[in-house]
Amino acid sequence: MGEVDTTFIQAIEHRPKLVVVEAEDIPLINLFVLNSPNSSEPEVATIRPLISKIAEACKNWDFFQVINHGVPLECQKNLEIVARKFFALSKEEKKKVRRDEVNLLGYYDTKYTKNVRDWKEVFDLTIQNPTLFPASHKHDDKELREYFNQ
């Protein structure tokens, strides 16, 4: 395998403790209220508990499982096939569509946690093309930018 790039090596105090943990009660988020055929625009009172449940899952778990999202199974399968093909490409090919300061969407593999590189590759994309993003993180900034999937 060769030498491991030192940017991937965690400091000893940040390395995981070798204990077995079984996750129970992973949050299950049901989006039926957003995809209900009876409702073209859900009521705020109906959505508020859903928003709270998502916020709680993010705060306490950092992830959750979503059901009744409305994405057809065939579409999910196709996305998985395309993703497997993309991530099997050479690093040079993947970097042709890399994310940068100009392109917020695309491939990247240089995420850092606690100043150490994560062992993952990511490809960000959106459903709508183009997608509007805020121009900055500032709350009062109303400017939007258009981004296109690569």
C-alpha atoms as a PDB file:
ATOM      1  CA  MET A   1       0.000   0.000   0.000  1.00  0.00           C
ATOM      2  CA  GLY A   2       2.878   2.377   0.631  1.00  0.00           C
ATOM      3  CA  GLU A   3       3.152   5.371   2.902  1.00  0.00           C
ATOM      4  CA  VAL A   4       0.037   7.118   4.214  1.00  0.00           C
ATOM      5  CA  ASP A   5      -0.148  10.852   3.530  1.00  0.00           C
ATOM      6  CA  THR A   6       0.387  12.537   6.909  1.00  0.00           C
ATOM      7  CA  THR A   7      -2.579  14.860   6.280  1.00  0.00           C
ATOM      8  CA  PHE A   8      -4.812  11.828   6.962  1.00  0.00           C
ATOM      9  CA  ILE A   9      -3.297  10.986  10.373  1.00  0.00           C
ATOM     10  CA  GLN A  10      -5.335  12.040  13.427  1.00  0.00           C
ATOM     11  CA  ALA A  11      -3.610  13.289  16.550  1.00  0.00           C
ATOM     12  CA  ILE A  12      -3.804  10.620  19.264  1.00  0.00           C
ATOM     13  CA  GLU A  13      -6.278  12.624  21.367  1.00  0.00           C
ATOM     14  CA  HIS A  14      -8.693  12.794  18.421  1.00  0.00           C
ATOM     15  CA  ARG A  15      -8.540   9.128  17.418  1.00  0.00           C
ATOM     16  CA  PRO A  16     -11.678   7.085  18.089  1.00  0.00           C
ATOM     17  CA  LYS A  17     -11.777   4.858  21.134  1.00  0.00           C
ATOM     18  CA  LEU A  18     -12.136   1.230  20.121  1.00  0.00           C
ATOM     19  CA  VAL A  19     -15.501   0.374  21.618  1.00  0.00           C
ATOM     20  CA  VAL A  20     -18.520  -1.250  20.020  1.00  0.00           C
ATOM     21  CA  VAL A  21     -21.519   1.049  19.810  1.00  0.00           C
ATOM     22  CA  GLU A  22     -24.884  -0.070  18.510  1.00  0.00           C
ATOM     23  CA  ALA A  23     -27.067   2.744  17.272  1.00  0.00           C
ATOM     24  CA  GLU A  24     -30.648   2.537  18.383  1.00  0.00           C
ATOM     25  CA  ASP A  25     -33.520   4.861  17.574  1.00  0.00           C
ATOM     26  CA  ILE A  26     -31.877   6.543  14.579  1.00  0.00           C
ATOM     27  CA  PRO A  27     -34.210   9.447  13.746  1.00  0.00           C
ATOM     28  CA  LEU A  28     -36.777   8.658  11.062  1.00  0.00           C
ATOM     29  CA  ILE A  29     -38.055  11.719   9.198  1.00  0.00           C
ATOM     30  CA  ASN A  30     -41.333  11.218   7.337  1.00  0.00           C
ATOM     31  CA  LEU A  31     -41.766  13.763   4.533  1.00  0.00           C
ATOM     32  CA  PHE A  32     -45.270  12.627   3.626  1.00  0.00           C
ATOM     33  CA  VAL A  33     -46.711  15.983   4.667  1.00  0.00           C
ATOM     34  CA  LEU A  34     -44.590  17.679   1.974  1.00  0.00           C
ATOM     35  CA  ASN A  35     -45.456  15.145  -0.725  1.00  0.00           C
ATOM     36  CA  SER A  36     -49.104  14.518   0.080  1.00  0.00           C
ATOM     37  CA  PRO A  37     -51.235  14.455  -3.081  1.00  0.00           C
ATOM     38  CA  ASN A  38     -54.011  16.226  -1.114  1.00  0.00           C
ATOM     39  CA  SER A  39     -51.946  19.287  -0.291  1.00  0.00           C
ATOM     40  CA  SER A  40     -50.322  21.572  -2.846  1.00  0.00           C
ATOM     41  CA  GLU A  41     -49.001  23.912  -0.120  1.00  0.00           C
ATOM     42  CA  PRO A  42     -48.706  22.429   3.404  1.00  0.00           C
ATOM     43  CA  GLU A  43     -49.786  24.603   6.337  1.00  0.00           C
ATOM     44  CA  VAL A  44     -47.089  26.149   8.533  1.00  0.00           C
ATOM     45  CA  ALA A  45     -48.627  24.448  11.583  1.00  0.00           C
ATOM     46  CA  THR A  46     -48.195  21.093   9.846  1.00  0.00           C
ATOM     47  CA  ILE A  47     -44.598  21.734   8.811  1.00  0.00           C
ATOM     48  CA  ARG A  48     -43.347  23.210  12.097  1.00  0.00           C
ATOM     49  CA  PRO A  49     -43.169  19.820  13.930  1.00  0.00           C
ATOM     50  CA  LEU A  50     -41.319  18.344  10.932  1.00  0.00           C
ATOM     51  CA  ILE A  51     -38.790  21.180  10.992  1.00  0.00           C
ATOM     52  CA  SER A  52     -38.287  20.687  14.740  1.00  0.00           C
ATOM     53  CA  LYS A  53     -37.748  16.959  14.275  1.00  0.00           C
ATOM     54  CA  ILE A  54     -35.150  17.556  11.540  1.00  0.00           C
ATOM     55  CA  ALA A  55     -33.376  20.186  13.677  1.00  0.00           C
ATOM     56  CA  GLU A  56     -33.301  17.826  16.657  1.00  0.00           C
ATOM     57  CA  ALA A  57     -31.938  14.965  14.519  1.00  0.00           C
ATOM     58  CA  CYS A  58     -29.207  17.213  13.131  1.00  0.00           C
ATOM     59  CA  LYS A  59     -28.278  18.505  16.572  1.00  0.00           C
ATOM     60  CA  ASN A  60     -28.275  15.150  18.364  1.00  0.00           C
ATOM     61  CA  TRP A  61     -27.310  12.691  15.625  1.00  0.00           C
ATOM     62  CA  ASP A  62     -25.818  14.657  12.671  1.00  0.00           C
ATOM     63  CA  PHE A  63     -27.895  12.460  10.344  1.00  0.00           C
ATOM     64  CA  PHE A  64     -31.291  10.815   9.925  1.00  0.00           C
ATOM     65  CA  GLN A  65     -33.237   8.490   7.654  1.00  0.00           C
ATOM     66  CA  VAL A  66     -35.876   9.987   5.357  1.00  0.00           C
ATOM     67  CA  ILE A  67     -39.008   8.170   4.200  1.00  0.00           C
ATOM     68  CA  ASN A  68     -41.856   9.223   1.894  1.00  0.00           C
ATOM     69  CA  HIS A  69     -39.563  11.698   0.109  1.00  0.00           C
ATOM     70  CA  GLY A  70     -41.233  11.134  -3.250  1.00  0.00           C
ATOM     71  CA  VAL A  71     -38.095  10.161  -5.202  1.00  0.00           C
ATOM     72  CA  PRO A  72     -38.980   7.164  -7.378  1.00  0.00           C
ATOM     73  CA  LEU A  73     -37.014   3.964  -6.691  1.00  0.00           C
ATOM     74  CA  GLU A  74     -35.862   3.804 -10.329  1.00  0.00           C
ATOM     75  CA  CYS A  75     -34.336   7.278 -10.000  1.00  0.00           C
ATOM     76  CA  GLN A  76     -32.560   6.274  -6.770  1.00  0.00           C
ATOM     77  CA  LYS A  77     -31.112   3.164  -8.444  1.00  0.00           C
ATOM     78  CA  ASN A  78     -29.921   5.143 -11.466  1.00  0.00           C
ATOM     79  CA  LEU A  79     -28.232   7.717  -9.242  1.00  0.00           C
ATOM     80  CA  GLU A  80     -26.401   4.960  -7.360  1.00  0.00           C
ATOM     81  CA  ILE A  81     -25.190   3.382 -10.633  1.00  0.00           C
ATOM     82  CA  VAL A  82     -23.931   6.721 -11.957  1.00  0.00           C
ATOM     83  CA  ALA A  83     -22.264   7.544  -8.615  1.00  0.00           C
ATOM     84  CA  ARG A  84     -20.434   4.198  -8.551  1.00  0.00           C
ATOM     85  CA  LYS A  85     -19.179   4.769 -12.107  1.00  0.00           C
ATOM     86  CA  PHE A  86     -18.058   8.319 -11.314  1.00  0.00           C
ATOM     87  CA  PHE A  87     -16.159   7.427  -8.129  1.00  0.00           C
ATOM     88  CA  ALA A  88     -14.442   4.533  -9.959  1.00  0.00           C
ATOM     89  CA  LEU A  89     -12.858   7.038 -12.378  1.00  0.00           C
ATOM     90  CA  SER A  90      -9.235   8.120 -11.983  1.00  0.00           C
ATOM     91  CA  LYS A  91      -8.514  11.054  -9.704  1.00  0.00           C
ATOM     92  CA  GLU A  92      -7.489  13.117 -12.748  1.00  0.00           C
ATOM     93  CA  GLU A  93     -10.893  12.557 -14.405  1.00  0.00           C
ATOM     94  CA  LYS A  94     -12.828  13.400 -11.227  1.00  0.00           C
ATOM     95  CA  LYS A  95     -10.841  16.587 -10.711  1.00  0.00           C
ATOM     96  CA  LYS A  96     -12.032  17.887 -14.097  1.00  0.00           C
ATOM     97  CA  VAL A  97     -15.343  18.673 -12.365  1.00  0.00           C
ATOM     98  CA  ARG A  98     -13.985  19.706  -8.989  1.00  0.00           C
ATOM     99  CA  ARG A  99     -15.599  22.200  -6.678  1.00  0.00           C
ATOM    100  CA  ASP A 100     -13.803  25.508  -6.151  1.00  0.00           C
ATOM    101  CA  GLU A 101     -14.403  29.164  -5.238  1.00  0.00           C
ATOM    102  CA  VAL A 102     -16.384  29.723  -8.441  1.00  0.00           C
ATOM    103  CA  ASN A 103     -18.169  26.352  -8.685  1.00  0.00           C
ATOM    104  CA  LEU A 104     -19.903  25.444  -5.434  1.00  0.00           C
ATOM    105  CA  LEU A 105     -21.044  22.151  -6.942  1.00  0.00           C
ATOM    106  CA  GLY A 106     -18.922  19.224  -8.056  1.00  0.00           C
ATOM    107  CA  TYR A 107     -16.225  16.865  -6.831  1.00  0.00           C
ATOM    108  CA  TYR A 108     -13.928  17.326  -3.862  1.00  0.00           C
ATOM    109  CA  ASP A 109     -11.815  15.147  -1.611  1.00  0.00           C
ATOM    110  CA  THR A 110     -10.110  17.646   0.668  1.00  0.00           C
ATOM    111  CA  LYS A 111     -12.528  18.051   3.576  1.00  0.00           C
ATOM    112  CA  TYR A 112     -10.784  18.539   6.917  1.00  0.00           C
ATOM    113  CA  THR A 113     -12.002  17.717  10.419  1.00  0.00           C
ATOM    114  CA  LYS A 114      -9.856  18.860  13.346  1.00  0.00           C
ATOM    115  CA  ASN A 115      -7.096  19.824  10.868  1.00  0.00           C
ATOM    116  CA  VAL A 116      -6.925  16.283   9.456  1.00  0.00           C
ATOM    117  CA  ARG A 117      -8.121  15.244   5.998  1.00  0.00           C
ATOM    118  CA  ASP A 118     -11.262  13.134   5.942  1.00  0.00           C
ATOM    119  CA  TRP A 119     -11.120   9.770   4.171  1.00  0.00           C
ATOM    120  CA  LYS A 120     -13.938  10.545   1.754  1.00  0.00           C
ATOM    121  CA  GLU A 121     -14.787  11.835  -1.665  1.00  0.00           C
ATOM    122  CA  VAL A 122     -17.876  13.955  -2.353  1.00  0.00           C
ATOM    123  CA  PHE A 123     -19.808  15.147  -5.387  1.00  0.00           C
ATOM    124  CA  ASP A 124     -22.280  17.940  -4.644  1.00  0.00           C
ATOM    125  CA  LEU A 125     -25.179  18.395  -7.022  1.00  0.00           C
ATOM    126  CA  THR A 126     -28.665  19.841  -7.037  1.00  0.00           C
ATOM    127  CA  ILE A 127     -31.972  18.808  -8.533  1.00  0.00           C
ATOM    128  CA  GLN A 128     -32.772  22.131 -10.180  1.00  0.00           C
ATOM    129  CA  ASN A 129     -30.509  23.422 -12.896  1.00  0.00           C
ATOM    130  CA  PRO A 130     -29.669  26.239 -12.408  1.00  0.00           C
ATOM    131  CA  THR A 131     -29.918  26.472  -8.635  1.00  0.00           C
ATOM    132  CA  LEU A 132     -29.938  29.773  -6.769  1.00  0.00           C
ATOM    133  CA  PHE A 133     -27.608  30.139  -3.782  1.00  0.00           C
ATOM    134  CA  PRO A 134     -27.104  33.131  -1.492  1.00  0.00           C
ATOM    135  CA  ALA A 135     -24.082  35.157  -2.616  1.00  0.00           C
ATOM    136  CA  SER A 136     -22.739  35.200   0.934  1.00  0.00           C
ATOM    137  CA  HIS A 137     -23.395  33.789   4.392  1.00  0.00           C
ATOM    138  CA  LYS A 138     -24.541  37.180   5.720  1.00  0.00           C
ATOM    139  CA  HIS A 139     -28.155  37.236   6.899  1.00  0.00           C
ATOM    140  CA  ASP A 140     -29.021  40.599   5.367  1.00  0.00           C
ATOM    141  CA  ASP A 141     -27.404  39.865   1.966  1.00  0.00           C
ATOM    142  CA  LYS A 142     -30.229  39.474  -0.564  1.00  0.00           C
ATOM    143  CA  GLU A 143     -27.976  38.837  -3.587  1.00  0.00           C
ATOM    144  CA  LEU A 144     -28.317  35.413  -5.243  1.00  0.00           C
ATOM    145  CA  ARG A 145     -25.990  33.489  -7.545  1.00  0.00           C
ATOM    146  CA  GLU A 146     -26.893  30.888 -10.147  1.00  0.00           C
ATOM    147  CA  TYR A 147     -25.035  27.578 -10.177  1.00  0.00           C
ATOM    148  CA  PHE A 148     -25.241  24.808 -12.738  1.00  0.00           C
ATOM    149  CA  ASN A 149     -24.537  21.098 -12.352  1.00  0.00           C
ATOM    150  CA  GLN A 150     -21.353  20.174 -14.199  1.00  0.00           C
END
